[in-house]
């Protein structure tokens, strides 16, 4: 199953949600932000190389606590990458790995549409601040146009001072809304390569990511196990 993690704005924590959801599902996490990659790169080929025809998708997957298909960070690599090859690359990884979590670019740029179009479902990430929620509604509209089902909405970095309109958002988007509490360990989890579900399994944040993973599994069962990648 291919799940796209998207959000209307940068800085809402899409990458940390994608990384920790990947850990909860034992999935491959793909950094699909060709211009502003966030996942640790390491050595070897990356998504730029795959989309430029210099490496096979499975060759670029780096295994560790969370399996990653990282993206390069050079301007030359981004220019050489052909975004039209992304859909086939994601399907190839999904055919081998089973589950793929795609960390989408921020905003509503054209390259956000490719992973949303190929995904079986999506998870939307938003700040709990009321002024930021309109962006996630616009992203949901794009996902609906591209026939990407919605697993749920994550309000990231919530605190006791936040009062997000959870019920209104749930009614508007027609999907569960969950909160990941503010926790400095979540913010460090990607750079430290210490996903919450294994590094801090008893934390509220880890429980939130496990719950989100369960929602993905439920979505997969409801689809009858037939994902776009295997259609």
C-alpha atoms as a PDB file:
ATOM      1  CA  UNK A   1       0.000   0.000   0.000  1.00  0.00           C
ATOM      2  CA  UNK A   2       1.253   3.486  -0.847  1.00  0.00           C
ATOM      3  CA  UNK A   3       0.345   6.240   1.631  1.00  0.00           C
ATOM      4  CA  UNK A   4       1.136   9.871   0.872  1.00  0.00           C
ATOM      5  CA  UNK A   5       1.791  12.181   3.827  1.00  0.00           C
ATOM      6  CA  UNK A   6       0.906  15.713   2.762  1.00  0.00           C
ATOM      7  CA  UNK A   7       0.147  19.099   4.252  1.00  0.00           C
ATOM      8  CA  UNK A   8      -0.692  22.580   3.093  1.00  0.00           C
ATOM      9  CA  UNK A   9       2.340  24.343   4.561  1.00  0.00           C
ATOM     10  CA  UNK A  10       5.962  23.607   5.253  1.00  0.00           C
ATOM     11  CA  UNK A  11       7.078  23.355   8.857  1.00  0.00           C
ATOM     12  CA  UNK A  12       4.081  21.399  10.147  1.00  0.00           C
ATOM     13  CA  UNK A  13       6.112  18.230  10.725  1.00  0.00           C
ATOM     14  CA  UNK A  14       5.202  16.090   7.711  1.00  0.00           C
ATOM     15  CA  UNK A  15       8.610  14.448   7.680  1.00  0.00           C
ATOM     16  CA  UNK A  16       8.506  13.447  11.353  1.00  0.00           C
ATOM     17  CA  UNK A  17       4.999  12.039  10.897  1.00  0.00           C
ATOM     18  CA  UNK A  18       6.024  10.131   7.754  1.00  0.00           C
ATOM     19  CA  UNK A  19       9.155   8.755   9.421  1.00  0.00           C
ATOM     20  CA  UNK A  20       7.409   7.638  12.594  1.00  0.00           C
ATOM     21  CA  UNK A  21       4.431   6.226  10.700  1.00  0.00           C
ATOM     22  CA  UNK A  22       6.892   4.258   8.581  1.00  0.00           C
ATOM     23  CA  UNK A  23       8.393   2.836  11.766  1.00  0.00           C
ATOM     24  CA  UNK A  24       4.966   1.873  13.105  1.00  0.00           C
ATOM     25  CA  UNK A  25       4.169   0.019   9.869  1.00  0.00           C
ATOM     26  CA  UNK A  26       7.657  -1.347   9.127  1.00  0.00           C
ATOM     27  CA  UNK A  27       7.355   0.437   5.776  1.00  0.00           C
ATOM     28  CA  UNK A  28       9.791   2.123   3.415  1.00  0.00           C
ATOM     29  CA  UNK A  29       9.657   5.910   3.752  1.00  0.00           C
ATOM     30  CA  UNK A  30      10.335   7.810   0.527  1.00  0.00           C
ATOM     31  CA  UNK A  31      11.443  11.452   0.568  1.00  0.00           C
ATOM     32  CA  UNK A  32       9.620  12.823  -2.477  1.00  0.00           C
ATOM     33  CA  UNK A  33      10.557  16.467  -1.936  1.00  0.00           C
ATOM     34  CA  UNK A  34      12.927  16.792  -4.875  1.00  0.00           C
ATOM     35  CA  UNK A  35      13.983  20.333  -4.034  1.00  0.00           C
ATOM     36  CA  UNK A  36      14.071  20.401  -0.221  1.00  0.00           C
ATOM     37  CA  UNK A  37      14.756  16.898   1.107  1.00  0.00           C
ATOM     38  CA  UNK A  38      14.545  16.310   4.862  1.00  0.00           C
ATOM     39  CA  UNK A  39      15.155  12.611   5.496  1.00  0.00           C
ATOM     40  CA  UNK A  40      18.725  11.494   6.299  1.00  0.00           C
ATOM     41  CA  UNK A  41      20.562  10.706   3.092  1.00  0.00           C
ATOM     42  CA  UNK A  42      23.530   8.523   3.980  1.00  0.00           C
ATOM     43  CA  UNK A  43      25.671   7.027   1.225  1.00  0.00           C
ATOM     44  CA  UNK A  44      24.718   5.441  -2.075  1.00  0.00           C
ATOM     45  CA  UNK A  45      22.168   6.340  -4.747  1.00  0.00           C
ATOM     46  CA  UNK A  46      19.109   8.415  -3.902  1.00  0.00           C
ATOM     47  CA  UNK A  47      15.781   9.390  -5.455  1.00  0.00           C
ATOM     48  CA  UNK A  48      17.454  11.950  -7.717  1.00  0.00           C
ATOM     49  CA  UNK A  49      19.542   9.117  -9.174  1.00  0.00           C
ATOM     50  CA  UNK A  50      16.460   6.918  -9.571  1.00  0.00           C
ATOM     51  CA  UNK A  51      14.477   9.604 -11.394  1.00  0.00           C
ATOM     52  CA  UNK A  52      17.457  10.394 -13.612  1.00  0.00           C
ATOM     53  CA  UNK A  53      17.746   6.718 -14.625  1.00  0.00           C
ATOM     54  CA  UNK A  54      21.069   6.213 -12.846  1.00  0.00           C
ATOM     55  CA  UNK A  55      19.826   3.677 -10.246  1.00  0.00           C
ATOM     56  CA  UNK A  56      16.985   1.227  -9.698  1.00  0.00           C
ATOM     57  CA  UNK A  57      14.424   2.212  -7.032  1.00  0.00           C
ATOM     58  CA  UNK A  58      15.164  -0.777  -4.813  1.00  0.00           C
ATOM     59  CA  UNK A  59      18.912  -0.115  -5.102  1.00  0.00           C
ATOM     60  CA  UNK A  60      18.404   3.289  -3.471  1.00  0.00           C
ATOM     61  CA  UNK A  61      16.540   1.996  -0.415  1.00  0.00           C
ATOM     62  CA  UNK A  62      18.666   2.286   2.736  1.00  0.00           C
ATOM     63  CA  UNK A  63      17.796  -0.153   5.515  1.00  0.00           C
ATOM     64  CA  UNK A  64      18.059   0.758   9.180  1.00  0.00           C
ATOM     65  CA  UNK A  65      15.720   1.339  12.109  1.00  0.00           C
ATOM     66  CA  UNK A  66      13.413   2.714   9.418  1.00  0.00           C
ATOM     67  CA  UNK A  67      13.947   1.801   5.766  1.00  0.00           C
ATOM     68  CA  UNK A  68      14.399   4.970   3.713  1.00  0.00           C
ATOM     69  CA  UNK A  69      14.574   5.949   0.090  1.00  0.00           C
ATOM     70  CA  UNK A  70      16.227   9.349   0.600  1.00  0.00           C
ATOM     71  CA  UNK A  71      16.412  12.215  -1.861  1.00  0.00           C
ATOM     72  CA  UNK A  72      19.491  14.145  -2.874  1.00  0.00           C
ATOM     73  CA  UNK A  73      19.927  17.777  -1.932  1.00  0.00           C
ATOM     74  CA  UNK A  74      21.826  19.222  -4.863  1.00  0.00           C
ATOM     75  CA  UNK A  75      20.331  21.600  -7.404  1.00  0.00           C
ATOM     76  CA  UNK A  76      21.965  19.643 -10.213  1.00  0.00           C
ATOM     77  CA  UNK A  77      20.363  16.426  -8.965  1.00  0.00           C
ATOM     78  CA  UNK A  78      16.947  18.058  -8.767  1.00  0.00           C
ATOM     79  CA  UNK A  79      17.278  19.382 -12.302  1.00  0.00           C
ATOM     80  CA  UNK A  80      18.271  15.970 -13.652  1.00  0.00           C
ATOM     81  CA  UNK A  81      15.377  14.187 -11.924  1.00  0.00           C
ATOM     82  CA  UNK A  82      12.338  13.445 -14.085  1.00  0.00           C
ATOM     83  CA  UNK A  83       9.287  13.685 -11.817  1.00  0.00           C
ATOM     84  CA  UNK A  84       7.293  11.726 -14.403  1.00  0.00           C
ATOM     85  CA  UNK A  85       9.233   8.633 -13.305  1.00  0.00           C
ATOM     86  CA  UNK A  86       8.169   8.971  -9.667  1.00  0.00           C
ATOM     87  CA  UNK A  87       4.950   6.980  -9.953  1.00  0.00           C
ATOM     88  CA  UNK A  88       6.711   3.948 -11.424  1.00  0.00           C
ATOM     89  CA  UNK A  89       9.472   4.210  -8.810  1.00  0.00           C
ATOM     90  CA  UNK A  90       6.949   4.205  -5.957  1.00  0.00           C
ATOM     91  CA  UNK A  91       5.074   1.243  -7.407  1.00  0.00           C
ATOM     92  CA  UNK A  92       8.324  -0.680  -7.806  1.00  0.00           C
ATOM     93  CA  UNK A  93       9.292  -0.136  -4.168  1.00  0.00           C
ATOM     94  CA  UNK A  94       5.766  -1.044  -3.008  1.00  0.00           C
ATOM     95  CA  UNK A  95       5.844  -4.266  -5.023  1.00  0.00           C
ATOM     96  CA  UNK A  96       8.929  -5.327  -3.042  1.00  0.00           C
ATOM     97  CA  UNK A  97       8.329  -3.736   0.361  1.00  0.00           C
ATOM     98  CA  UNK A  98       4.557  -4.001   0.641  1.00  0.00           C
ATOM     99  CA  UNK A  99       4.018  -0.637   2.343  1.00  0.00           C
ATOM    100  CA  UNK A 100       5.460   2.703   1.270  1.00  0.00           C
ATOM    101  CA  UNK A 101       5.050   6.025   3.070  1.00  0.00           C
ATOM    102  CA  UNK A 102       5.707   9.053   0.865  1.00  0.00           C
ATOM    103  CA  UNK A 103       6.858  12.317   2.437  1.00  0.00           C
ATOM    104  CA  UNK A 104       5.341  14.797  -0.024  1.00  0.00           C
ATOM    105  CA  UNK A 105       6.623  18.291  -0.824  1.00  0.00           C
ATOM    106  CA  UNK A 106       5.038  21.147   1.096  1.00  0.00           C
ATOM    107  CA  UNK A 107       2.231  23.266  -0.261  1.00  0.00           C
ATOM    108  CA  UNK A 108       0.275  22.639  -3.433  1.00  0.00           C
ATOM    109  CA  UNK A 109       3.073  22.644  -6.008  1.00  0.00           C
ATOM    110  CA  UNK A 110       2.635  20.511  -9.111  1.00  0.00           C
ATOM    111  CA  UNK A 111       5.009  17.825  -7.814  1.00  0.00           C
ATOM    112  CA  UNK A 112       2.684  17.208  -4.839  1.00  0.00           C
ATOM    113  CA  UNK A 113       0.115  15.822  -7.254  1.00  0.00           C
ATOM    114  CA  UNK A 114       2.267  12.920  -8.439  1.00  0.00           C
ATOM    115  CA  UNK A 115       2.528  11.036  -5.121  1.00  0.00           C
ATOM    116  CA  UNK A 116      -1.096  11.861  -4.299  1.00  0.00           C
ATOM    117  CA  UNK A 117      -2.199  10.507  -7.676  1.00  0.00           C
ATOM    118  CA  UNK A 118      -0.350   7.203  -7.263  1.00  0.00           C
ATOM    119  CA  UNK A 119      -1.137   6.767  -3.549  1.00  0.00           C
ATOM    120  CA  UNK A 120      -3.806   4.402  -2.341  1.00  0.00           C
ATOM    121  CA  UNK A 121      -4.553   6.796   0.505  1.00  0.00           C
ATOM    122  CA  UNK A 122      -3.152   9.854   2.230  1.00  0.00           C
ATOM    123  CA  UNK A 123      -2.544  11.266   5.684  1.00  0.00           C
ATOM    124  CA  UNK A 124      -2.809  15.028   6.070  1.00  0.00           C
ATOM    125  CA  UNK A 125      -0.661  16.872   8.605  1.00  0.00           C
ATOM    126  CA  UNK A 126      -1.551  20.274  10.009  1.00  0.00           C
ATOM    127  CA  UNK A 127      -0.583  22.645  12.747  1.00  0.00           C
ATOM    128  CA  UNK A 128      -3.226  22.782  15.493  1.00  0.00           C
ATOM    129  CA  UNK A 129      -3.432  26.558  15.064  1.00  0.00           C
ATOM    130  CA  UNK A 130      -6.815  27.550  13.660  1.00  0.00           C
ATOM    131  CA  UNK A 131      -5.374  29.852  10.989  1.00  0.00           C
ATOM    132  CA  UNK A 132      -3.386  26.942   9.508  1.00  0.00           C
ATOM    133  CA  UNK A 133      -6.276  24.533   9.092  1.00  0.00           C
ATOM    134  CA  UNK A 134      -7.555  26.067   5.841  1.00  0.00           C
ATOM    135  CA  UNK A 135      -4.420  24.778   4.120  1.00  0.00           C
ATOM    136  CA  UNK A 136      -5.136  21.170   5.028  1.00  0.00           C
ATOM    137  CA  UNK A 137      -8.682  21.563   3.675  1.00  0.00           C
ATOM    138  CA  UNK A 138      -7.261  22.736   0.337  1.00  0.00           C
ATOM    139  CA  UNK A 139      -4.852  19.803   0.276  1.00  0.00           C
ATOM    140  CA  UNK A 140      -7.777  17.471   0.948  1.00  0.00           C
ATOM    141  CA  UNK A 141      -9.577  18.928  -2.068  1.00  0.00           C
ATOM    142  CA  UNK A 142      -6.555  18.164  -4.259  1.00  0.00           C
ATOM    143  CA  UNK A 143      -6.320  14.621  -2.872  1.00  0.00           C
ATOM    144  CA  UNK A 144     -10.016  14.074  -3.567  1.00  0.00           C
ATOM    145  CA  UNK A 145      -9.594  15.252  -7.160  1.00  0.00           C
ATOM    146  CA  UNK A 146      -6.761  12.728  -7.559  1.00  0.00           C
ATOM    147  CA  UNK A 147      -8.813   9.917  -5.964  1.00  0.00           C
ATOM    148  CA  UNK A 148      -6.521   9.517  -2.962  1.00  0.00           C
ATOM    149  CA  UNK A 149      -8.543   8.228  -0.028  1.00  0.00           C
ATOM    150  CA  UNK A 150      -8.053   9.892   3.330  1.00  0.00           C
ATOM    151  CA  UNK A 151      -6.837   7.752   6.248  1.00  0.00           C
ATOM    152  CA  UNK A 152      -6.840  10.579   8.748  1.00  0.00           C
ATOM    153  CA  UNK A 153      -5.654  14.017   9.760  1.00  0.00           C
ATOM    154  CA  UNK A 154      -2.795  14.594  12.205  1.00  0.00           C
ATOM    155  CA  UNK A 155      -2.667  17.748  14.296  1.00  0.00           C
ATOM    156  CA  UNK A 156       1.020  17.851  15.081  1.00  0.00           C
ATOM    157  CA  UNK A 157       2.819  19.347  18.091  1.00  0.00           C
ATOM    158  CA  UNK A 158      -0.299  19.999  20.130  1.00  0.00           C
ATOM    159  CA  UNK A 159      -0.071  21.531  23.606  1.00  0.00           C
ATOM    160  CA  UNK A 160      -2.512  22.198  26.400  1.00  0.00           C
ATOM    161  CA  UNK A 161      -2.885  25.776  25.134  1.00  0.00           C
ATOM    162  CA  UNK A 162      -4.245  24.679  21.758  1.00  0.00           C
ATOM    163  CA  UNK A 163      -7.958  24.560  21.069  1.00  0.00           C
ATOM    164  CA  UNK A 164      -8.249  23.199  17.524  1.00  0.00           C
ATOM    165  CA  UNK A 165     -11.745  22.679  16.068  1.00  0.00           C
ATOM    166  CA  UNK A 166     -11.367  18.889  15.969  1.00  0.00           C
ATOM    167  CA  UNK A 167     -15.054  18.089  15.546  1.00  0.00           C
ATOM    168  CA  UNK A 168     -15.550  20.659  12.799  1.00  0.00           C
ATOM    169  CA  UNK A 169     -12.446  19.431  11.002  1.00  0.00           C
ATOM    170  CA  UNK A 170     -13.616  15.821  11.298  1.00  0.00           C
ATOM    171  CA  UNK A 171     -16.999  16.728   9.803  1.00  0.00           C
ATOM    172  CA  UNK A 172     -15.468  18.836   7.034  1.00  0.00           C
ATOM    173  CA  UNK A 173     -12.893  16.258   5.951  1.00  0.00           C
ATOM    174  CA  UNK A 174     -14.872  13.120   6.732  1.00  0.00           C
ATOM    175  CA  UNK A 175     -11.962  11.376   8.432  1.00  0.00           C
ATOM    176  CA  UNK A 176     -10.571  10.773  11.937  1.00  0.00           C
ATOM    177  CA  UNK A 177      -8.515  13.575  13.461  1.00  0.00           C
ATOM    178  CA  UNK A 178      -5.734  12.666  15.881  1.00  0.00           C
ATOM    179  CA  UNK A 179      -3.222  14.700  17.837  1.00  0.00           C
ATOM    180  CA  UNK A 180       0.513  14.137  18.263  1.00  0.00           C
ATOM    181  CA  UNK A 181       1.572  15.993  21.418  1.00  0.00           C
ATOM    182  CA  UNK A 182       4.528  18.339  21.378  1.00  0.00           C
ATOM    183  CA  UNK A 183       7.563  16.326  22.442  1.00  0.00           C
ATOM    184  CA  UNK A 184      11.180  17.275  21.713  1.00  0.00           C
ATOM    185  CA  UNK A 185      11.978  13.604  21.129  1.00  0.00           C
ATOM    186  CA  UNK A 186       9.635  13.598  18.129  1.00  0.00           C
ATOM    187  CA  UNK A 187      11.448  16.561  16.627  1.00  0.00           C
ATOM    188  CA  UNK A 188      14.806  14.814  17.058  1.00  0.00           C
ATOM    189  CA  UNK A 189      13.622  11.388  15.951  1.00  0.00           C
ATOM    190  CA  UNK A 190      14.472  11.825  12.256  1.00  0.00           C
ATOM    191  CA  UNK A 191      17.964  13.285  12.673  1.00  0.00           C
ATOM    192  CA  UNK A 192      18.776  10.840  15.476  1.00  0.00           C
ATOM    193  CA  UNK A 193      17.134   7.986  13.551  1.00  0.00           C
ATOM    194  CA  UNK A 194      15.293   6.962  16.710  1.00  0.00           C
ATOM    195  CA  UNK A 195      11.602   6.446  15.869  1.00  0.00           C
ATOM    196  CA  UNK A 196       9.264   6.973  18.787  1.00  0.00           C
ATOM    197  CA  UNK A 197       7.610   3.562  18.623  1.00  0.00           C
ATOM    198  CA  UNK A 198      10.919   1.884  19.458  1.00  0.00           C
ATOM    199  CA  UNK A 199      12.910   4.592  21.262  1.00  0.00           C
ATOM    200  CA  UNK A 200      10.074   5.818  23.511  1.00  0.00           C
ATOM    201  CA  UNK A 201       7.337   3.181  23.155  1.00  0.00           C
ATOM    202  CA  UNK A 202       5.416   4.287  26.270  1.00  0.00           C
ATOM    203  CA  UNK A 203       5.140   7.934  25.214  1.00  0.00           C
ATOM    204  CA  UNK A 204       1.890   9.571  24.132  1.00  0.00           C
ATOM    205  CA  UNK A 205       3.469  10.397  20.783  1.00  0.00           C
ATOM    206  CA  UNK A 206       4.353   6.743  20.153  1.00  0.00           C
ATOM    207  CA  UNK A 207       0.774   5.769  20.984  1.00  0.00           C
ATOM    208  CA  UNK A 208      -0.468   8.338  18.464  1.00  0.00           C
ATOM    209  CA  UNK A 209       1.761   6.935  15.719  1.00  0.00           C
ATOM    210  CA  UNK A 210       0.699   3.366  16.487  1.00  0.00           C
ATOM    211  CA  UNK A 211      -2.938   4.453  16.310  1.00  0.00           C
ATOM    212  CA  UNK A 212      -2.294   6.099  12.962  1.00  0.00           C
ATOM    213  CA  UNK A 213      -0.630   2.902  11.756  1.00  0.00           C
ATOM    214  CA  UNK A 214      -3.700   0.939  12.845  1.00  0.00           C
ATOM    215  CA  UNK A 215      -5.862   3.310  10.805  1.00  0.00           C
ATOM    216  CA  UNK A 216      -3.717   2.615   7.738  1.00  0.00           C
ATOM    217  CA  UNK A 217      -4.089  -1.135   8.305  1.00  0.00           C
ATOM    218  CA  UNK A 218      -7.866  -0.729   8.619  1.00  0.00           C
ATOM    219  CA  UNK A 219      -7.938   1.223   5.368  1.00  0.00           C
ATOM    220  CA  UNK A 220      -5.914  -1.517   3.709  1.00  0.00           C
ATOM    221  CA  UNK A 221      -8.317  -4.217   4.896  1.00  0.00           C
ATOM    222  CA  UNK A 222     -11.297  -2.203   3.702  1.00  0.00           C
ATOM    223  CA  UNK A 223      -9.693  -2.013   0.279  1.00  0.00           C
ATOM    224  CA  UNK A 224      -9.533  -5.793   0.286  1.00  0.00           C
ATOM    225  CA  UNK A 225      -5.750  -5.774   0.048  1.00  0.00           C
ATOM    226  CA  UNK A 226      -5.871  -4.526  -3.529  1.00  0.00           C
ATOM    227  CA  UNK A 227      -3.744  -1.410  -3.754  1.00  0.00           C
ATOM    228  CA  UNK A 228      -3.153   0.855  -6.708  1.00  0.00           C
ATOM    229  CA  UNK A 229       0.386  -0.437  -6.875  1.00  0.00           C
ATOM    230  CA  UNK A 230      -0.830  -3.969  -7.576  1.00  0.00           C
ATOM    231  CA  UNK A 231      -3.775  -3.105  -9.762  1.00  0.00           C
END
